[in-house]
Amino acid sequence: MDDDNKLSYFFLGLGLGVVAGVLFAPKSGEETREFLASKANEGADLAKRRAAEMREAAVDTYERGVSTVQRQKENLSAAVEAGRQTYREAVSKPIAE
């Protein structure tokens, strides 16, 4: 999680640096606005891609969790059934003296 935060702060700093550089660049106002708009769109696209990746990772994690719980449930059911069968066999045997 710390690596994600470091990467996020890096891109935030990079973006702020680009904005500051553009504001002080010797371009006309219209060119600067167009540049800023294109960079904002790129940032929005990056955020959408990142959100989709995170969603996909969350879905994968959820599915693995469901699969693990199902396997554990099946194992527990098998163990309980084996215990019942052993109990039935022990109860049905005559006591040897």
PDB file of N, CA and C in Angstrom:
ATOM      1  N   MET A   1       0.838  -1.189   0.000  1.00  0.00           N
ATOM      2  CA  MET A   1       0.000   0.000   0.000  1.00  0.00           C
ATOM      3  C   MET A   1       0.881   1.249   0.000  1.00  0.00           C
ATOM      4  N   ASP A   2       2.029   1.210   0.695  1.00  0.00           N
ATOM      5  CA  ASP A   2       2.924   2.362   0.735  1.00  0.00           C
ATOM      6  C   ASP A   2       3.470   2.686  -0.643  1.00  0.00           C
ATOM      7  N   ASP A   3       3.746   1.653  -1.441  1.00  0.00           N
ATOM      8  CA  ASP A   3       4.250   1.889  -2.791  1.00  0.00           C
ATOM      9  C   ASP A   3       3.211   2.607  -3.643  1.00  0.00           C
ATOM     10  N   ASP A   4       1.938   2.241  -3.476  1.00  0.00           N
ATOM     11  CA  ASP A   4       0.880   2.929  -4.217  1.00  0.00           C
ATOM     12  C   ASP A   4       0.811   4.398  -3.826  1.00  0.00           C
ATOM     13  N   ASN A   5       0.948   4.693  -2.521  1.00  0.00           N
ATOM     14  CA  ASN A   5       0.913   6.080  -2.072  1.00  0.00           C
ATOM     15  C   ASN A   5       2.107   6.854  -2.621  1.00  0.00           C
ATOM     16  N   LYS A   6       3.277   6.243  -2.617  1.00  0.00           N
ATOM     17  CA  LYS A   6       4.465   6.917  -3.143  1.00  0.00           C
ATOM     18  C   LYS A   6       4.282   7.222  -4.626  1.00  0.00           C
ATOM     19  N   LEU A   7       3.742   6.249  -5.341  1.00  0.00           N
ATOM     20  CA  LEU A   7       3.520   6.442  -6.773  1.00  0.00           C
ATOM     21  C   LEU A   7       2.482   7.534  -7.012  1.00  0.00           C
ATOM     22  N   SER A   8       1.442   7.549  -6.212  1.00  0.00           N
ATOM     23  CA  SER A   8       0.406   8.578  -6.345  1.00  0.00           C
ATOM     24  C   SER A   8       0.994   9.961  -6.085  1.00  0.00           C
ATOM     25  N   TYR A   9       1.793  10.079  -5.029  1.00  0.00           N
ATOM     26  CA  TYR A   9       2.408  11.377  -4.725  1.00  0.00           C
ATOM     27  C   TYR A   9       3.383  11.796  -5.821  1.00  0.00           C
ATOM     28  N   PHE A  10       4.086  10.822  -6.395  1.00  0.00           N
ATOM     29  CA  PHE A  10       4.991  11.140  -7.489  1.00  0.00           C
ATOM     30  C   PHE A  10       4.227  11.749  -8.658  1.00  0.00           C
ATOM     31  N   PHE A  11       3.125  11.085  -9.053  1.00  0.00           N
ATOM     32  CA  PHE A  11       2.344  11.597 -10.174  1.00  0.00           C
ATOM     33  C   PHE A  11       1.675  12.928  -9.848  1.00  0.00           C
ATOM     34  N   LEU A  12       1.265  13.108  -8.615  1.00  0.00           N
ATOM     35  CA  LEU A  12       0.693  14.386  -8.203  1.00  0.00           C
ATOM     36  C   LEU A  12       1.739  15.488  -8.335  1.00  0.00           C
ATOM     37  N   GLY A  13       2.931  15.230  -7.835  1.00  0.00           N
ATOM     38  CA  GLY A  13       4.019  16.211  -7.959  1.00  0.00           C
ATOM     39  C   GLY A  13       4.388  16.477  -9.400  1.00  0.00           C
ATOM     40  N   LEU A  14       4.400  15.417 -10.191  1.00  0.00           N
ATOM     41  CA  LEU A  14       4.695  15.572 -11.606  1.00  0.00           C
ATOM     42  C   LEU A  14       3.650  16.448 -12.277  1.00  0.00           C
ATOM     43  N   GLY A  15       2.386  16.174 -11.975  1.00  0.00           N
ATOM     44  CA  GLY A  15       1.300  16.970 -12.556  1.00  0.00           C
ATOM     45  C   GLY A  15       1.376  18.428 -12.148  1.00  0.00           C
ATOM     46  N   LEU A  16       1.630  18.663 -10.867  1.00  0.00           N
ATOM     47  CA  LEU A  16       1.744  20.051 -10.400  1.00  0.00           C
ATOM     48  C   LEU A  16       2.927  20.756 -11.059  1.00  0.00           C
ATOM     49  N   GLY A  17       4.012  20.030 -11.236  1.00  0.00           N
ATOM     50  CA  GLY A  17       5.177  20.610 -11.910  1.00  0.00           C
ATOM     51  C   GLY A  17       4.872  20.962 -13.353  1.00  0.00           C
ATOM     52  N   VAL A  18       4.147  20.087 -14.014  1.00  0.00           N
ATOM     53  CA  VAL A  18       3.768  20.350 -15.409  1.00  0.00           C
ATOM     54  C   VAL A  18       2.868  21.575 -15.481  1.00  0.00           C
ATOM     55  N   VAL A  19       1.894  21.641 -14.577  1.00  0.00           N
ATOM     56  CA  VAL A  19       0.983  22.792 -14.570  1.00  0.00           C
ATOM     57  C   VAL A  19       1.753  24.082 -14.323  1.00  0.00           C
ATOM     58  N   ALA A  20       2.651  24.068 -13.344  1.00  0.00           N
ATOM     59  CA  ALA A  20       3.435  25.275 -13.059  1.00  0.00           C
ATOM     60  C   ALA A  20       4.299  25.652 -14.258  1.00  0.00           C
ATOM     61  N   GLY A  21       4.902  24.654 -14.891  1.00  0.00           N
ATOM     62  CA  GLY A  21       5.741  24.927 -16.056  1.00  0.00           C
ATOM     63  C   GLY A  21       4.942  25.499 -17.213  1.00  0.00           C
ATOM     64  N   VAL A  22       3.751  24.971 -17.387  1.00  0.00           N
ATOM     65  CA  VAL A  22       2.905  25.444 -18.487  1.00  0.00           C
ATOM     66  C   VAL A  22       2.441  26.869 -18.224  1.00  0.00           C
ATOM     67  N   LEU A  23       2.100  27.157 -16.992  1.00  0.00           N
ATOM     68  CA  LEU A  23       1.619  28.505 -16.671  1.00  0.00           C
ATOM     69  C   LEU A  23       2.687  29.566 -16.921  1.00  0.00           C
ATOM     70  N   PHE A  24       3.948  29.183 -16.746  1.00  0.00           N
ATOM     71  CA  PHE A  24       5.022  30.150 -16.945  1.00  0.00           C
ATOM     72  C   PHE A  24       5.690  30.015 -18.315  1.00  0.00           C
ATOM     73  N   ALA A  25       5.153  29.147 -19.154  1.00  0.00           N
ATOM     74  CA  ALA A  25       5.717  28.951 -20.488  1.00  0.00           C
ATOM     75  C   ALA A  25       5.330  30.106 -21.405  1.00  0.00           C
ATOM     76  N   PRO A  26       6.178  30.397 -22.377  1.00  0.00           N
ATOM     77  CA  PRO A  26       5.883  31.504 -23.292  1.00  0.00           C
ATOM     78  C   PRO A  26       4.948  31.074 -24.426  1.00  0.00           C
ATOM     79  N   LYS A  27       3.732  30.725 -24.082  1.00  0.00           N
ATOM     80  CA  LYS A  27       2.726  30.360 -25.082  1.00  0.00           C
ATOM     81  C   LYS A  27       1.547  31.296 -24.918  1.00  0.00           C
ATOM     82  N   SER A  28       0.736  31.315 -25.944  1.00  0.00           N
ATOM     83  CA  SER A  28      -0.465  32.140 -25.854  1.00  0.00           C
ATOM     84  C   SER A  28      -1.448  31.489 -24.892  1.00  0.00           C
ATOM     85  N   GLY A  29      -2.412  32.267 -24.434  1.00  0.00           N
ATOM     86  CA  GLY A  29      -3.406  31.752 -23.500  1.00  0.00           C
ATOM     87  C   GLY A  29      -4.208  30.615 -24.093  1.00  0.00           C
ATOM     88  N   GLU A  30      -4.573  30.719 -25.357  1.00  0.00           N
ATOM     89  CA  GLU A  30      -5.362  29.671 -25.997  1.00  0.00           C
ATOM     90  C   GLU A  30      -4.573  28.374 -26.095  1.00  0.00           C
ATOM     91  N   GLU A  31      -3.304  28.474 -26.508  1.00  0.00           N
ATOM     92  CA  GLU A  31      -2.470  27.271 -26.588  1.00  0.00           C
ATOM     93  C   GLU A  31      -2.307  26.638 -25.215  1.00  0.00           C
ATOM     94  N   THR A  32      -2.117  27.470 -24.222  1.00  0.00           N
ATOM     95  CA  THR A  32      -1.946  26.962 -22.850  1.00  0.00           C
ATOM     96  C   THR A  32      -3.215  26.279 -22.371  1.00  0.00           C
ATOM     97  N   ARG A  33      -4.358  26.873 -22.624  1.00  0.00           N
ATOM     98  CA  ARG A  33      -5.631  26.263 -22.211  1.00  0.00           C
ATOM     99  C   ARG A  33      -5.852  24.922 -22.911  1.00  0.00           C
ATOM    100  N   GLU A  34      -5.535  24.872 -24.202  1.00  0.00           N
ATOM    101  CA  GLU A  34      -5.683  23.611 -24.937  1.00  0.00           C
ATOM    102  C   GLU A  34      -4.752  22.541 -24.371  1.00  0.00           C
ATOM    103  N   PHE A  35      -3.541  22.951 -24.060  1.00  0.00           N
ATOM    104  CA  PHE A  35      -2.577  22.008 -23.484  1.00  0.00           C
ATOM    105  C   PHE A  35      -3.070  21.497 -22.129  1.00  0.00           C
ATOM    106  N   LEU A  36      -3.530  22.410 -21.299  1.00  0.00           N
ATOM    107  CA  LEU A  36      -4.039  22.011 -19.981  1.00  0.00           C
ATOM    108  C   LEU A  36      -5.247  21.093 -20.103  1.00  0.00           C
ATOM    109  N   ALA A  37      -6.118  21.397 -21.050  1.00  0.00           N
ATOM    110  CA  ALA A  37      -7.299  20.553 -21.251  1.00  0.00           C
ATOM    111  C   ALA A  37      -6.890  19.157 -21.702  1.00  0.00           C
ATOM    112  N   SER A  38      -5.926  19.069 -22.594  1.00  0.00           N
ATOM    113  CA  SER A  38      -5.487  17.745 -23.064  1.00  0.00           C
ATOM    114  C   SER A  38      -4.835  16.960 -21.930  1.00  0.00           C
ATOM    115  N   LYS A  39      -4.043  17.636 -21.098  1.00  0.00           N
ATOM    116  CA  LYS A  39      -3.413  16.957 -19.960  1.00  0.00           C
ATOM    117  C   LYS A  39      -4.453  16.535 -18.928  1.00  0.00           C
ATOM    118  N   ALA A  40      -5.478  17.337 -18.747  1.00  0.00           N
ATOM    119  CA  ALA A  40      -6.547  16.972 -17.814  1.00  0.00           C
ATOM    120  C   ALA A  40      -7.283  15.738 -18.326  1.00  0.00           C
ATOM    121  N   ASN A  41      -7.515  15.688 -19.627  1.00  0.00           N
ATOM    122  CA  ASN A  41      -8.164  14.509 -20.211  1.00  0.00           C
ATOM    123  C   ASN A  41      -7.287  13.262 -20.064  1.00  0.00           C
ATOM    124  N   GLU A  42      -5.986  13.425 -20.264  1.00  0.00           N
ATOM    125  CA  GLU A  42      -5.071  12.299 -20.070  1.00  0.00           C
ATOM    126  C   GLU A  42      -5.115  11.820 -18.626  1.00  0.00           C
ATOM    127  N   GLY A  43      -5.154  12.760 -17.692  1.00  0.00           N
ATOM    128  CA  GLY A  43      -5.230  12.401 -16.276  1.00  0.00           C
ATOM    129  C   GLY A  43      -6.522  11.672 -15.948  1.00  0.00           C
ATOM    130  N   ALA A  44      -7.616  12.119 -16.531  1.00  0.00           N
ATOM    131  CA  ALA A  44      -8.904  11.455 -16.307  1.00  0.00           C
ATOM    132  C   ALA A  44      -8.875  10.045 -16.884  1.00  0.00           C
ATOM    133  N   ASP A  45      -8.279   9.887 -18.062  1.00  0.00           N
ATOM    134  CA  ASP A  45      -8.169   8.550 -18.658  1.00  0.00           C
ATOM    135  C   ASP A  45      -7.314   7.634 -17.791  1.00  0.00           C
ATOM    136  N   LEU A  46      -6.228   8.166 -17.264  1.00  0.00           N
ATOM    137  CA  LEU A  46      -5.364   7.383 -16.382  1.00  0.00           C
ATOM    138  C   LEU A  46      -6.138   6.961 -15.134  1.00  0.00           C
ATOM    139  N   ALA A  47      -6.899   7.870 -14.561  1.00  0.00           N
ATOM    140  CA  ALA A  47      -7.687   7.548 -13.367  1.00  0.00           C
ATOM    141  C   ALA A  47      -8.725   6.468 -13.669  1.00  0.00           C
ATOM    142  N   LYS A  48      -9.354   6.545 -14.841  1.00  0.00           N
ATOM    143  CA  LYS A  48     -10.340   5.530 -15.227  1.00  0.00           C
ATOM    144  C   LYS A  48      -9.682   4.166 -15.387  1.00  0.00           C
ATOM    145  N   ARG A  49      -8.516   4.142 -16.041  1.00  0.00           N
ATOM    146  CA  ARG A  49      -7.811   2.869 -16.216  1.00  0.00           C
ATOM    147  C   ARG A  49      -7.401   2.279 -14.875  1.00  0.00           C
ATOM    148  N   ARG A  50      -6.903   3.142 -14.006  1.00  0.00           N
ATOM    149  CA  ARG A  50      -6.464   2.693 -12.672  1.00  0.00           C
ATOM    150  C   ARG A  50      -7.651   2.154 -11.877  1.00  0.00           C
ATOM    151  N   ALA A  51      -8.783   2.823 -11.955  1.00  0.00           N
ATOM    152  CA  ALA A  51      -9.984   2.361 -11.243  1.00  0.00           C
ATOM    153  C   ALA A  51     -10.439   1.014 -11.802  1.00  0.00           C
ATOM    154  N   ALA A  52     -10.379   0.845 -13.117  1.00  0.00           N
ATOM    155  CA  ALA A  52     -10.767  -0.430 -13.720  1.00  0.00           C
ATOM    156  C   ALA A  52      -9.830  -1.548 -13.272  1.00  0.00           C
ATOM    157  N   GLU A  53      -8.532  -1.257 -13.204  1.00  0.00           N
ATOM    158  CA  GLU A  53      -7.562  -2.251 -12.737  1.00  0.00           C
ATOM    159  C   GLU A  53      -7.839  -2.634 -11.284  1.00  0.00           C
ATOM    160  N   MET A  54      -8.126  -1.632 -10.460  1.00  0.00           N
ATOM    161  CA  MET A  54      -8.402  -1.903  -9.051  1.00  0.00           C
ATOM    162  C   MET A  54      -9.685  -2.712  -8.903  1.00  0.00           C
ATOM    163  N   ARG A  55     -10.683  -2.403  -9.699  1.00  0.00           N
ATOM    164  CA  ARG A  55     -11.947  -3.143  -9.650  1.00  0.00           C
ATOM    165  C   ARG A  55     -11.705  -4.594 -10.042  1.00  0.00           C
ATOM    166  N   GLU A  56     -10.935  -4.800 -11.094  1.00  0.00           N
ATOM    167  CA  GLU A  56     -10.635  -6.151 -11.553  1.00  0.00           C
ATOM    168  C   GLU A  56      -9.879  -6.935 -10.478  1.00  0.00           C
ATOM    169  N   ALA A  57      -8.930  -6.285  -9.828  1.00  0.00           N
ATOM    170  CA  ALA A  57      -8.186  -6.945  -8.751  1.00  0.00           C
ATOM    171  C   ALA A  57      -9.112  -7.292  -7.584  1.00  0.00           C
ATOM    172  N   ALA A  58     -10.039  -6.397  -7.269  1.00  0.00           N
ATOM    173  CA  ALA A  58     -10.979  -6.654  -6.174  1.00  0.00           C
ATOM    174  C   ALA A  58     -11.901  -7.819  -6.514  1.00  0.00           C
ATOM    175  N   VAL A  59     -12.368  -7.886  -7.759  1.00  0.00           N
ATOM    176  CA  VAL A  59     -13.234  -8.988  -8.183  1.00  0.00           C
ATOM    177  C   VAL A  59     -12.469 -10.307  -8.113  1.00  0.00           C
ATOM    178  N   ASP A  60     -11.210 -10.312  -8.561  1.00  0.00           N
ATOM    179  CA  ASP A  60     -10.399 -11.530  -8.495  1.00  0.00           C
ATOM    180  C   ASP A  60     -10.210 -11.980  -7.049  1.00  0.00           C
ATOM    181  N   THR A  61      -9.910 -11.033  -6.178  1.00  0.00           N
ATOM    182  CA  THR A  61      -9.717 -11.360  -4.768  1.00  0.00           C
ATOM    183  C   THR A  61     -11.003 -11.913  -4.166  1.00  0.00           C
ATOM    184  N   TYR A  62     -12.116 -11.301  -4.484  1.00  0.00           N
ATOM    185  CA  TYR A  62     -13.410 -11.773  -3.993  1.00  0.00           C
ATOM    186  C   TYR A  62     -13.682 -13.202  -4.461  1.00  0.00           C
ATOM    187  N   GLU A  63     -13.450 -13.457  -5.741  1.00  0.00           N
ATOM    188  CA  GLU A  63     -13.716 -14.785  -6.295  1.00  0.00           C
ATOM    189  C   GLU A  63     -12.815 -15.838  -5.660  1.00  0.00           C
ATOM    190  N   ARG A  64     -11.540 -15.495  -5.432  1.00  0.00           N
ATOM    191  CA  ARG A  64     -10.649 -16.439  -4.758  1.00  0.00           C
ATOM    192  C   ARG A  64     -11.115 -16.702  -3.336  1.00  0.00           C
ATOM    193  N   GLY A  65     -11.599 -15.666  -2.658  1.00  0.00           N
ATOM    194  CA  GLY A  65     -12.115 -15.833  -1.303  1.00  0.00           C
ATOM    195  C   GLY A  65     -13.328 -16.735  -1.269  1.00  0.00           C
ATOM    196  N   VAL A  66     -14.239 -16.540  -2.204  1.00  0.00           N
ATOM    197  CA  VAL A  66     -15.437 -17.386  -2.273  1.00  0.00           C
ATOM    198  C   VAL A  66     -15.037 -18.835  -2.533  1.00  0.00           C
ATOM    199  N   SER A  67     -14.091 -19.049  -3.428  1.00  0.00           N
ATOM    200  CA  SER A  67     -13.627 -20.398  -3.743  1.00  0.00           C
ATOM    201  C   SER A  67     -12.988 -21.048  -2.516  1.00  0.00           C
ATOM    202  N   THR A  68     -12.179 -20.295  -1.791  1.00  0.00           N
ATOM    203  CA  THR A  68     -11.529 -20.821  -0.597  1.00  0.00           C
ATOM    204  C   THR A  68     -12.554 -21.177   0.468  1.00  0.00           C
ATOM    205  N   VAL A  69     -13.523 -20.330   0.681  1.00  0.00           N
ATOM    206  CA  VAL A  69     -14.570 -20.602   1.665  1.00  0.00           C
ATOM    207  C   VAL A  69     -15.347 -21.846   1.263  1.00  0.00           C
ATOM    208  N   GLN A  70     -15.659 -21.995  -0.013  1.00  0.00           N
ATOM    209  CA  GLN A  70     -16.396 -23.167  -0.487  1.00  0.00           C
ATOM    210  C   GLN A  70     -15.594 -24.441  -0.239  1.00  0.00           C
ATOM    211  N   ARG A  71     -14.292 -24.409  -0.551  1.00  0.00           N
ATOM    212  CA  ARG A  71     -13.448 -25.587  -0.311  1.00  0.00           C
ATOM    213  C   ARG A  71     -13.403 -25.943   1.170  1.00  0.00           C
ATOM    214  N   GLN A  72     -13.253 -24.919   2.032  1.00  0.00           N
ATOM    215  CA  GLN A  72     -13.206 -25.164   3.471  1.00  0.00           C
ATOM    216  C   GLN A  72     -14.537 -25.723   3.968  1.00  0.00           C
ATOM    217  N   LYS A  73     -15.608 -25.233   3.432  1.00  0.00           N
ATOM    218  CA  LYS A  73     -16.941 -25.715   3.805  1.00  0.00           C
ATOM    219  C   LYS A  73     -17.092 -27.188   3.422  1.00  0.00           C
ATOM    220  N   GLU A  74     -16.626 -27.540   2.226  1.00  0.00           N
ATOM    221  CA  GLU A  74     -16.687 -28.927   1.778  1.00  0.00           C
ATOM    222  C   GLU A  74     -15.811 -29.819   2.652  1.00  0.00           C
ATOM    223  N   ASN A  75     -14.615 -29.336   2.999  1.00  0.00           N
ATOM    224  CA  ASN A  75     -13.725 -30.110   3.869  1.00  0.00           C
ATOM    225  C   ASN A  75     -14.349 -30.322   5.239  1.00  0.00           C
ATOM    226  N   LEU A  76     -14.959 -29.300   5.782  1.00  0.00           N
ATOM    227  CA  LEU A  76     -15.605 -29.409   7.086  1.00  0.00           C
ATOM    228  C   LEU A  76     -16.775 -30.390   7.027  1.00  0.00           C
ATOM    229  N   SER A  77     -17.565 -30.317   5.974  1.00  0.00           N
ATOM    230  CA  SER A  77     -18.692 -31.246   5.817  1.00  0.00           C
ATOM    231  C   SER A  77     -18.193 -32.683   5.726  1.00  0.00           C
ATOM    232  N   ALA A  78     -17.122 -32.895   4.983  1.00  0.00           N
ATOM    233  CA  ALA A  78     -16.557 -34.243   4.855  1.00  0.00           C
ATOM    234  C   ALA A  78     -16.039 -34.735   6.205  1.00  0.00           C
ATOM    235  N   ALA A  79     -15.399 -33.859   6.976  1.00  0.00           N
ATOM    236  CA  ALA A  79     -14.888 -34.251   8.288  1.00  0.00           C
ATOM    237  C   ALA A  79     -16.029 -34.578   9.244  1.00  0.00           C
ATOM    238  N   VAL A  80     -17.081 -33.800   9.220  1.00  0.00           N
ATOM    239  CA  VAL A  80     -18.235 -34.065  10.084  1.00  0.00           C
ATOM    240  C   VAL A  80     -18.879 -35.391   9.695  1.00  0.00           C
ATOM    241  N   GLU A  81     -19.030 -35.630   8.414  1.00  0.00           N
ATOM    242  CA  GLU A  81     -19.621 -36.890   7.962  1.00  0.00           C
ATOM    243  C   GLU A  81     -18.744 -38.075   8.353  1.00  0.00           C
ATOM    244  N   ALA A  82     -17.433 -37.938   8.246  1.00  0.00           N
ATOM    245  CA  ALA A  82     -16.527 -39.018   8.655  1.00  0.00           C
ATOM    246  C   ALA A  82     -16.656 -39.275  10.156  1.00  0.00           C
ATOM    247  N   GLY A  83     -16.793 -38.225  10.939  1.00  0.00           N
ATOM    248  CA  GLY A  83     -16.982 -38.375  12.380  1.00  0.00           C
ATOM    249  C   GLY A  83     -18.296 -39.075  12.691  1.00  0.00           C
ATOM    250  N   ARG A  84     -19.353 -38.733  11.999  1.00  0.00           N
ATOM    251  CA  ARG A  84     -20.648 -39.395  12.200  1.00  0.00           C
ATOM    252  C   ARG A  84     -20.569 -40.882  11.859  1.00  0.00           C
ATOM    253  N   GLN A  85     -19.919 -41.171  10.737  1.00  0.00           N
ATOM    254  CA  GLN A  85     -19.783 -42.565  10.316  1.00  0.00           C
ATOM    255  C   GLN A  85     -18.987 -43.356  11.341  1.00  0.00           C
ATOM    256  N   THR A  86     -17.922 -42.787  11.841  1.00  0.00           N
ATOM    257  CA  THR A  86     -17.116 -43.460  12.862  1.00  0.00           C
ATOM    258  C   THR A  86     -17.934 -43.680  14.126  1.00  0.00           C
ATOM    259  N   TYR A  87     -18.715 -42.710  14.510  1.00  0.00           N
ATOM    260  CA  TYR A  87     -19.571 -42.840  15.705  1.00  0.00           C
ATOM    261  C   TYR A  87     -20.595 -43.956  15.495  1.00  0.00           C
ATOM    262  N   ARG A  88     -21.231 -43.966  14.310  1.00  0.00           N
ATOM    263  CA  ARG A  88     -22.222 -45.012  14.029  1.00  0.00           C
ATOM    264  C   ARG A  88     -21.601 -46.400  14.102  1.00  0.00           C
ATOM    265  N   GLU A  89     -20.407 -46.532  13.537  1.00  0.00           N
ATOM    266  CA  GLU A  89     -19.726 -47.827  13.563  1.00  0.00           C
ATOM    267  C   GLU A  89     -19.367 -48.230  14.984  1.00  0.00           C
ATOM    268  N   ALA A  90     -18.928 -47.256  15.784  1.00  0.00           N
ATOM    269  CA  ALA A  90     -18.547 -47.553  17.167  1.00  0.00           C
ATOM    270  C   ALA A  90     -19.778 -47.923  17.982  1.00  0.00           C
ATOM    271  N   VAL A  91     -20.899 -47.303  17.764  1.00  0.00           N
ATOM    272  CA  VAL A  91     -22.123 -47.574  18.527  1.00  0.00           C
ATOM    273  C   VAL A  91     -22.719 -48.918  18.106  1.00  0.00           C
ATOM    274  N   SER A  92     -22.630 -49.280  16.849  1.00  0.00           N
ATOM    275  CA  SER A  92     -23.249 -50.503  16.362  1.00  0.00           C
ATOM    276  C   SER A  92     -22.433 -51.749  16.687  1.00  0.00           C
ATOM    277  N   LYS A  93     -21.170 -51.631  17.052  1.00  0.00           N
ATOM    278  CA  LYS A  93     -20.350 -52.791  17.388  1.00  0.00           C
ATOM    279  C   LYS A  93     -20.744 -53.307  18.759  1.00  0.00           C
ATOM    280  N   PRO A  94     -20.820 -54.590  18.917  1.00  0.00           N
ATOM    281  CA  PRO A  94     -21.091 -55.114  20.260  1.00  0.00           C
ATOM    282  C   PRO A  94     -19.856 -54.936  21.136  1.00  0.00           C
ATOM    283  N   ILE A  95     -20.117 -54.745  22.393  1.00  0.00           N
ATOM    284  CA  ILE A  95     -19.014 -54.528  23.337  1.00  0.00           C
ATOM    285  C   ILE A  95     -18.373 -55.877  23.618  1.00  0.00           C
ATOM    286  N   ALA A  96     -17.095 -55.982  23.342  1.00  0.00           N
ATOM    287  CA  ALA A  96     -16.358 -57.229  23.581  1.00  0.00           C
ATOM    288  C   ALA A  96     -15.850 -57.219  25.015  1.00  0.00           C
ATOM    289  N   GLU A  97     -16.126 -58.318  25.679  1.00  0.00           N
ATOM    290  CA  GLU A  97     -15.675 -58.400  27.074  1.00  0.00           C
ATOM    291  C   GLU A  97     -14.691 -59.471  27.253  1.00  0.00           C
TER     292      GLU A  97
END
